[in-house]
């Protein structure tokens, strides 16, 4: 586990317990068995959907992208705002946005 992943336990102390799992050269960040965050190159990205994406865009936060066969693919994860690392209340607010998006995605898959 990276030091950054370990540090996120501290960042999200007000949000609740998290766990991580290695995946695709990075880590998935989970709460209550739902992935709400993604770490790539020591950058945290949070889950978004149509209900929350505008909040990330308003802040100028960018989506996670990866290249495959020369094409860029965007995922439903956006860069986390910097202030979450200094403010536990902000971390909780943004984690809740991401977790709610993960809950909605899980519900839609269950239908």
N, C-alpha and C. Protein backbone atom coordinates (compact mmCIF):
# COMPACT_ATOMS: atom_id res chain seq x y z
N UNK A 1 0.84 -1.18 0.00
CA UNK A 1 0.00 0.00 0.00
C UNK A 1 0.89 1.24 0.00
N UNK A 2 0.48 2.26 -0.73
CA UNK A 2 1.28 3.48 -0.80
C UNK A 2 1.01 4.37 0.42
N UNK A 3 1.93 5.28 0.67
CA UNK A 3 1.74 6.24 1.75
C UNK A 3 0.51 7.11 1.50
N UNK A 4 0.27 7.43 0.23
CA UNK A 4 -0.91 8.24 -0.11
C UNK A 4 -2.20 7.51 0.26
N UNK A 5 -2.27 6.23 -0.05
CA UNK A 5 -3.45 5.44 0.30
C UNK A 5 -3.63 5.41 1.81
N UNK A 6 -2.55 5.21 2.54
CA UNK A 6 -2.62 5.22 4.01
C UNK A 6 -3.13 6.57 4.52
N UNK A 7 -2.65 7.64 3.92
CA UNK A 7 -3.03 8.99 4.32
C UNK A 7 -4.54 9.23 4.15
N UNK A 8 -5.15 8.59 3.17
CA UNK A 8 -6.59 8.81 2.93
C UNK A 8 -7.45 8.34 4.11
N UNK A 9 -6.97 7.40 4.89
CA UNK A 9 -7.72 7.00 6.09
C UNK A 9 -7.86 8.19 7.03
N UNK A 10 -6.82 9.00 7.11
CA UNK A 10 -6.84 10.21 7.93
C UNK A 10 -7.74 11.28 7.30
N UNK A 11 -7.62 11.45 6.00
CA UNK A 11 -8.40 12.45 5.28
C UNK A 11 -9.90 12.22 5.48
N UNK A 12 -10.32 10.96 5.40
CA UNK A 12 -11.75 10.63 5.46
C UNK A 12 -12.22 10.19 6.84
N UNK A 13 -11.51 10.61 7.88
CA UNK A 13 -11.86 10.21 9.25
C UNK A 13 -13.29 10.61 9.62
N UNK A 14 -13.75 11.77 9.18
CA UNK A 14 -15.12 12.23 9.48
C UNK A 14 -16.16 11.51 8.61
N UNK A 15 -15.76 11.06 7.45
CA UNK A 15 -16.66 10.35 6.53
C UNK A 15 -16.96 8.94 7.03
N UNK A 16 -15.94 8.25 7.48
CA UNK A 16 -16.11 6.88 7.95
C UNK A 16 -14.97 6.00 7.46
N UNK A 17 -15.08 4.74 7.78
CA UNK A 17 -13.99 3.82 7.44
C UNK A 17 -13.93 3.58 5.94
N UNK A 18 -12.72 3.46 5.46
CA UNK A 18 -12.49 3.15 4.05
C UNK A 18 -11.51 1.99 3.97
N UNK A 19 -11.50 1.36 2.82
CA UNK A 19 -10.49 0.34 2.55
C UNK A 19 -10.06 0.52 1.11
N UNK A 20 -8.92 -0.04 0.79
CA UNK A 20 -8.42 0.09 -0.58
C UNK A 20 -8.12 -1.29 -1.14
N UNK A 21 -8.12 -1.33 -2.46
CA UNK A 21 -7.80 -2.57 -3.17
C UNK A 21 -7.00 -2.21 -4.41
N UNK A 22 -5.88 -2.90 -4.59
CA UNK A 22 -5.07 -2.64 -5.78
C UNK A 22 -5.85 -3.04 -7.02
N UNK A 23 -5.72 -2.20 -8.04
CA UNK A 23 -6.38 -2.50 -9.30
C UNK A 23 -5.75 -1.67 -10.42
N UNK A 24 -5.49 -2.26 -11.54
CA UNK A 24 -5.04 -1.57 -12.75
C UNK A 24 -3.88 -0.61 -12.50
N UNK A 25 -2.94 -0.99 -11.68
CA UNK A 25 -1.80 -0.12 -11.40
C UNK A 25 -2.10 0.98 -10.41
N UNK A 26 -3.30 1.04 -9.89
CA UNK A 26 -3.69 2.04 -8.89
C UNK A 26 -4.41 1.36 -7.75
N UNK A 27 -5.35 2.05 -7.17
CA UNK A 27 -6.16 1.51 -6.07
C UNK A 27 -7.60 1.97 -6.21
N UNK A 28 -8.51 1.11 -5.82
CA UNK A 28 -9.90 1.49 -5.65
C UNK A 28 -10.10 1.82 -4.18
N UNK A 29 -10.88 2.84 -3.87
CA UNK A 29 -11.18 3.23 -2.50
C UNK A 29 -12.65 2.92 -2.24
N UNK A 30 -12.89 2.16 -1.18
CA UNK A 30 -14.22 1.63 -0.88
C UNK A 30 -14.72 2.10 0.48
N UNK A 31 -16.03 2.24 0.57
CA UNK A 31 -16.73 2.47 1.82
C UNK A 31 -17.98 1.60 1.76
N UNK A 32 -18.21 0.82 2.79
CA UNK A 32 -19.35 -0.11 2.80
C UNK A 32 -19.41 -0.95 1.52
N UNK A 33 -18.27 -1.43 1.10
CA UNK A 33 -18.13 -2.32 -0.07
C UNK A 33 -18.50 -1.68 -1.41
N UNK A 34 -18.62 -0.37 -1.47
CA UNK A 34 -18.85 0.32 -2.74
C UNK A 34 -17.65 1.19 -3.06
N UNK A 35 -17.18 1.09 -4.29
CA UNK A 35 -16.04 1.90 -4.71
C UNK A 35 -16.51 3.32 -5.00
N UNK A 36 -15.96 4.28 -4.28
CA UNK A 36 -16.32 5.68 -4.48
C UNK A 36 -15.11 6.51 -4.89
N UNK A 37 -13.93 5.91 -4.88
CA UNK A 37 -12.73 6.64 -5.25
C UNK A 37 -11.77 5.77 -6.02
N UNK A 38 -10.89 6.43 -6.73
CA UNK A 38 -9.90 5.75 -7.57
C UNK A 38 -8.59 6.52 -7.42
N UNK A 39 -7.50 5.81 -7.20
CA UNK A 39 -6.20 6.44 -7.13
C UNK A 39 -5.37 5.98 -8.31
N UNK A 40 -4.83 6.96 -9.02
CA UNK A 40 -3.91 6.70 -10.13
C UNK A 40 -2.78 7.72 -10.01
N UNK A 41 -1.56 7.23 -10.01
CA UNK A 41 -0.39 8.11 -9.91
C UNK A 41 -0.48 9.05 -8.71
N UNK A 42 -0.89 8.51 -7.57
CA UNK A 42 -1.04 9.29 -6.34
C UNK A 42 -1.95 10.50 -6.49
N UNK A 43 -2.96 10.37 -7.32
CA UNK A 43 -4.01 11.37 -7.46
C UNK A 43 -5.33 10.68 -7.12
N UNK A 44 -6.16 11.34 -6.33
CA UNK A 44 -7.45 10.80 -5.96
C UNK A 44 -8.53 11.33 -6.89
N UNK A 45 -9.32 10.42 -7.41
CA UNK A 45 -10.48 10.75 -8.23
C UNK A 45 -11.72 10.22 -7.51
N UNK A 46 -12.80 10.98 -7.55
CA UNK A 46 -14.03 10.59 -6.87
C UNK A 46 -15.13 10.29 -7.88
N UNK A 47 -15.99 9.34 -7.53
CA UNK A 47 -17.09 8.89 -8.38
C UNK A 47 -18.07 10.04 -8.65
N UNK A 48 -18.49 10.16 -9.90
CA UNK A 48 -19.50 11.15 -10.27
C UNK A 48 -20.60 10.48 -11.09
N UNK A 49 -21.72 11.16 -11.18
CA UNK A 49 -22.80 10.74 -12.07
C UNK A 49 -23.51 12.01 -12.52
N UNK A 50 -24.62 11.85 -13.21
CA UNK A 50 -25.33 13.02 -13.75
C UNK A 50 -25.81 13.96 -12.66
N UNK A 51 -25.97 13.46 -11.44
CA UNK A 51 -26.45 14.29 -10.34
C UNK A 51 -25.33 15.12 -9.69
N UNK A 52 -24.10 14.67 -9.81
CA UNK A 52 -23.00 15.33 -9.10
C UNK A 52 -21.91 15.91 -10.01
N UNK A 53 -21.90 15.52 -11.28
CA UNK A 53 -20.82 15.94 -12.17
C UNK A 53 -20.67 17.46 -12.26
N UNK A 54 -21.77 18.19 -12.27
CA UNK A 54 -21.71 19.64 -12.40
C UNK A 54 -20.90 20.29 -11.27
N UNK A 55 -21.00 19.74 -10.07
CA UNK A 55 -20.25 20.30 -8.94
C UNK A 55 -18.74 20.21 -9.19
N UNK A 56 -18.32 19.11 -9.81
CA UNK A 56 -16.91 18.93 -10.12
C UNK A 56 -16.50 19.85 -11.27
N UNK A 57 -17.34 19.94 -12.28
CA UNK A 57 -17.04 20.79 -13.43
C UNK A 57 -16.97 22.27 -13.03
N UNK A 58 -17.87 22.70 -12.13
CA UNK A 58 -17.87 24.08 -11.66
C UNK A 58 -16.53 24.45 -11.03
N UNK A 59 -15.88 23.49 -10.44
CA UNK A 59 -14.60 23.70 -9.77
C UNK A 59 -13.41 23.53 -10.71
N UNK A 60 -13.68 23.17 -11.96
CA UNK A 60 -12.61 22.97 -12.92
C UNK A 60 -11.87 21.66 -12.73
N UNK A 61 -12.49 20.73 -12.04
CA UNK A 61 -11.88 19.42 -11.80
C UNK A 61 -12.05 18.55 -13.03
N UNK A 62 -11.05 17.76 -13.32
CA UNK A 62 -11.02 17.00 -14.58
C UNK A 62 -11.31 15.52 -14.36
N UNK A 63 -11.84 14.87 -15.38
CA UNK A 63 -12.13 13.43 -15.27
C UNK A 63 -10.86 12.58 -15.39
N UNK A 64 -10.95 11.40 -14.84
CA UNK A 64 -9.87 10.42 -15.01
C UNK A 64 -9.96 9.89 -16.43
N UNK A 65 -8.84 9.86 -17.12
CA UNK A 65 -8.77 9.33 -18.48
C UNK A 65 -7.64 8.32 -18.56
N UNK A 66 -7.84 7.35 -19.41
CA UNK A 66 -6.76 6.40 -19.71
C UNK A 66 -6.75 6.16 -21.22
N UNK A 67 -5.60 5.74 -21.70
CA UNK A 67 -5.43 5.49 -23.13
C UNK A 67 -5.48 3.98 -23.39
N UNK A 68 -6.18 3.62 -24.46
CA UNK A 68 -6.25 2.23 -24.88
C UNK A 68 -6.31 2.22 -26.40
N UNK A 69 -5.37 1.53 -27.01
CA UNK A 69 -5.30 1.46 -28.48
C UNK A 69 -5.30 2.85 -29.13
N UNK A 70 -4.58 3.78 -28.49
CA UNK A 70 -4.47 5.12 -29.04
C UNK A 70 -5.68 6.02 -28.84
N UNK A 71 -6.67 5.55 -28.09
CA UNK A 71 -7.88 6.34 -27.84
C UNK A 71 -7.97 6.67 -26.35
N UNK A 72 -8.43 7.88 -26.06
CA UNK A 72 -8.62 8.31 -24.68
C UNK A 72 -10.03 7.91 -24.22
N UNK A 73 -10.09 7.32 -23.05
CA UNK A 73 -11.37 6.93 -22.46
C UNK A 73 -11.52 7.65 -21.12
N UNK A 74 -12.68 8.27 -20.92
CA UNK A 74 -12.99 8.93 -19.66
C UNK A 74 -13.83 8.00 -18.81
N UNK A 75 -13.55 8.03 -17.53
CA UNK A 75 -14.35 7.23 -16.59
C UNK A 75 -15.19 8.18 -15.74
N UNK A 76 -16.12 7.64 -15.01
CA UNK A 76 -17.01 8.45 -14.19
C UNK A 76 -16.38 8.78 -12.83
N UNK A 77 -15.13 9.22 -12.88
CA UNK A 77 -14.38 9.65 -11.70
C UNK A 77 -13.69 10.96 -12.06
N UNK A 78 -13.80 11.95 -11.15
CA UNK A 78 -13.17 13.24 -11.37
C UNK A 78 -12.16 13.50 -10.25
N UNK A 79 -11.16 14.29 -10.57
CA UNK A 79 -10.14 14.67 -9.61
C UNK A 79 -10.79 15.28 -8.37
N UNK A 80 -10.31 14.89 -7.21
CA UNK A 80 -10.84 15.43 -5.95
C UNK A 80 -10.29 16.84 -5.73
N UNK A 81 -11.08 17.72 -5.13
CA UNK A 81 -10.59 19.08 -4.84
C UNK A 81 -9.50 19.06 -3.78
N UNK A 82 -8.56 19.95 -3.91
CA UNK A 82 -7.39 19.99 -3.01
C UNK A 82 -7.76 20.22 -1.55
N UNK A 83 -8.82 20.99 -1.28
CA UNK A 83 -9.12 21.34 0.12
C UNK A 83 -9.53 20.14 0.97
N UNK A 84 -9.86 19.01 0.37
CA UNK A 84 -10.23 17.86 1.19
C UNK A 84 -9.06 17.37 2.02
N UNK A 85 -7.85 17.68 1.60
CA UNK A 85 -6.66 17.20 2.32
C UNK A 85 -6.37 18.02 3.57
N UNK A 86 -6.99 19.21 3.68
CA UNK A 86 -6.76 20.09 4.83
C UNK A 86 -7.99 20.29 5.69
N UNK A 87 -9.14 19.81 5.23
CA UNK A 87 -10.40 20.12 5.92
C UNK A 87 -11.27 18.85 5.96
N UNK A 88 -11.40 18.27 7.13
CA UNK A 88 -12.15 17.01 7.29
C UNK A 88 -13.61 17.16 6.90
N UNK A 89 -14.20 18.34 7.14
CA UNK A 89 -15.60 18.57 6.76
C UNK A 89 -15.75 18.58 5.24
N UNK A 90 -14.82 19.22 4.54
CA UNK A 90 -14.84 19.22 3.08
C UNK A 90 -14.64 17.80 2.54
N UNK A 91 -13.73 17.07 3.17
CA UNK A 91 -13.49 15.68 2.74
C UNK A 91 -14.76 14.86 2.89
N UNK A 92 -15.47 15.05 3.98
CA UNK A 92 -16.72 14.32 4.21
C UNK A 92 -17.77 14.71 3.17
N UNK A 93 -17.89 16.00 2.89
CA UNK A 93 -18.86 16.48 1.91
C UNK A 93 -18.61 15.84 0.53
N UNK A 94 -17.37 15.91 0.04
CA UNK A 94 -17.05 15.38 -1.28
C UNK A 94 -17.10 13.86 -1.30
N UNK A 95 -16.73 13.21 -0.20
CA UNK A 95 -16.83 11.75 -0.12
C UNK A 95 -18.29 11.32 -0.17
N UNK A 96 -19.16 12.07 0.50
CA UNK A 96 -20.59 11.76 0.45
C UNK A 96 -21.15 11.92 -0.95
N UNK A 97 -20.73 12.97 -1.67
CA UNK A 97 -21.16 13.13 -3.06
C UNK A 97 -20.76 11.91 -3.89
N UNK A 98 -19.51 11.49 -3.72
CA UNK A 98 -19.00 10.35 -4.49
C UNK A 98 -19.68 9.05 -4.08
N UNK A 99 -19.89 8.87 -2.78
CA UNK A 99 -20.52 7.65 -2.31
C UNK A 99 -21.98 7.58 -2.76
N UNK A 100 -22.67 8.72 -2.75
CA UNK A 100 -24.05 8.75 -3.25
C UNK A 100 -24.11 8.37 -4.72
N UNK A 101 -23.14 8.84 -5.50
CA UNK A 101 -23.08 8.46 -6.92
C UNK A 101 -22.84 6.95 -7.06
N UNK A 102 -21.99 6.40 -6.20
CA UNK A 102 -21.73 4.96 -6.23
C UNK A 102 -22.99 4.18 -5.84
N UNK A 103 -23.73 4.67 -4.87
CA UNK A 103 -25.00 4.03 -4.47
C UNK A 103 -26.00 4.03 -5.61
N UNK A 104 -26.14 5.17 -6.28
CA UNK A 104 -27.08 5.25 -7.41
C UNK A 104 -26.66 4.30 -8.54
N UNK A 105 -25.36 4.22 -8.79
CA UNK A 105 -24.87 3.32 -9.84
C UNK A 105 -25.15 1.86 -9.47
N UNK A 106 -24.98 1.52 -8.20
CA UNK A 106 -25.24 0.15 -7.76
C UNK A 106 -26.73 -0.18 -7.88
N UNK A 107 -27.59 0.78 -7.54
CA UNK A 107 -29.03 0.56 -7.64
C UNK A 107 -29.46 0.39 -9.09
N UNK A 108 -28.89 1.18 -9.99
CA UNK A 108 -29.27 1.05 -11.40
C UNK A 108 -28.77 -0.26 -12.00
N UNK A 109 -27.66 -0.78 -11.52
CA UNK A 109 -27.17 -2.08 -12.00
C UNK A 109 -28.05 -3.21 -11.50
N UNK A 110 -28.65 -3.01 -10.32
CA UNK A 110 -29.49 -4.04 -9.72
C UNK A 110 -30.85 -4.16 -10.38
N UNK A 111 -31.22 -3.17 -11.17
CA UNK A 111 -32.55 -3.20 -11.83
C UNK A 111 -32.53 -4.05 -13.06
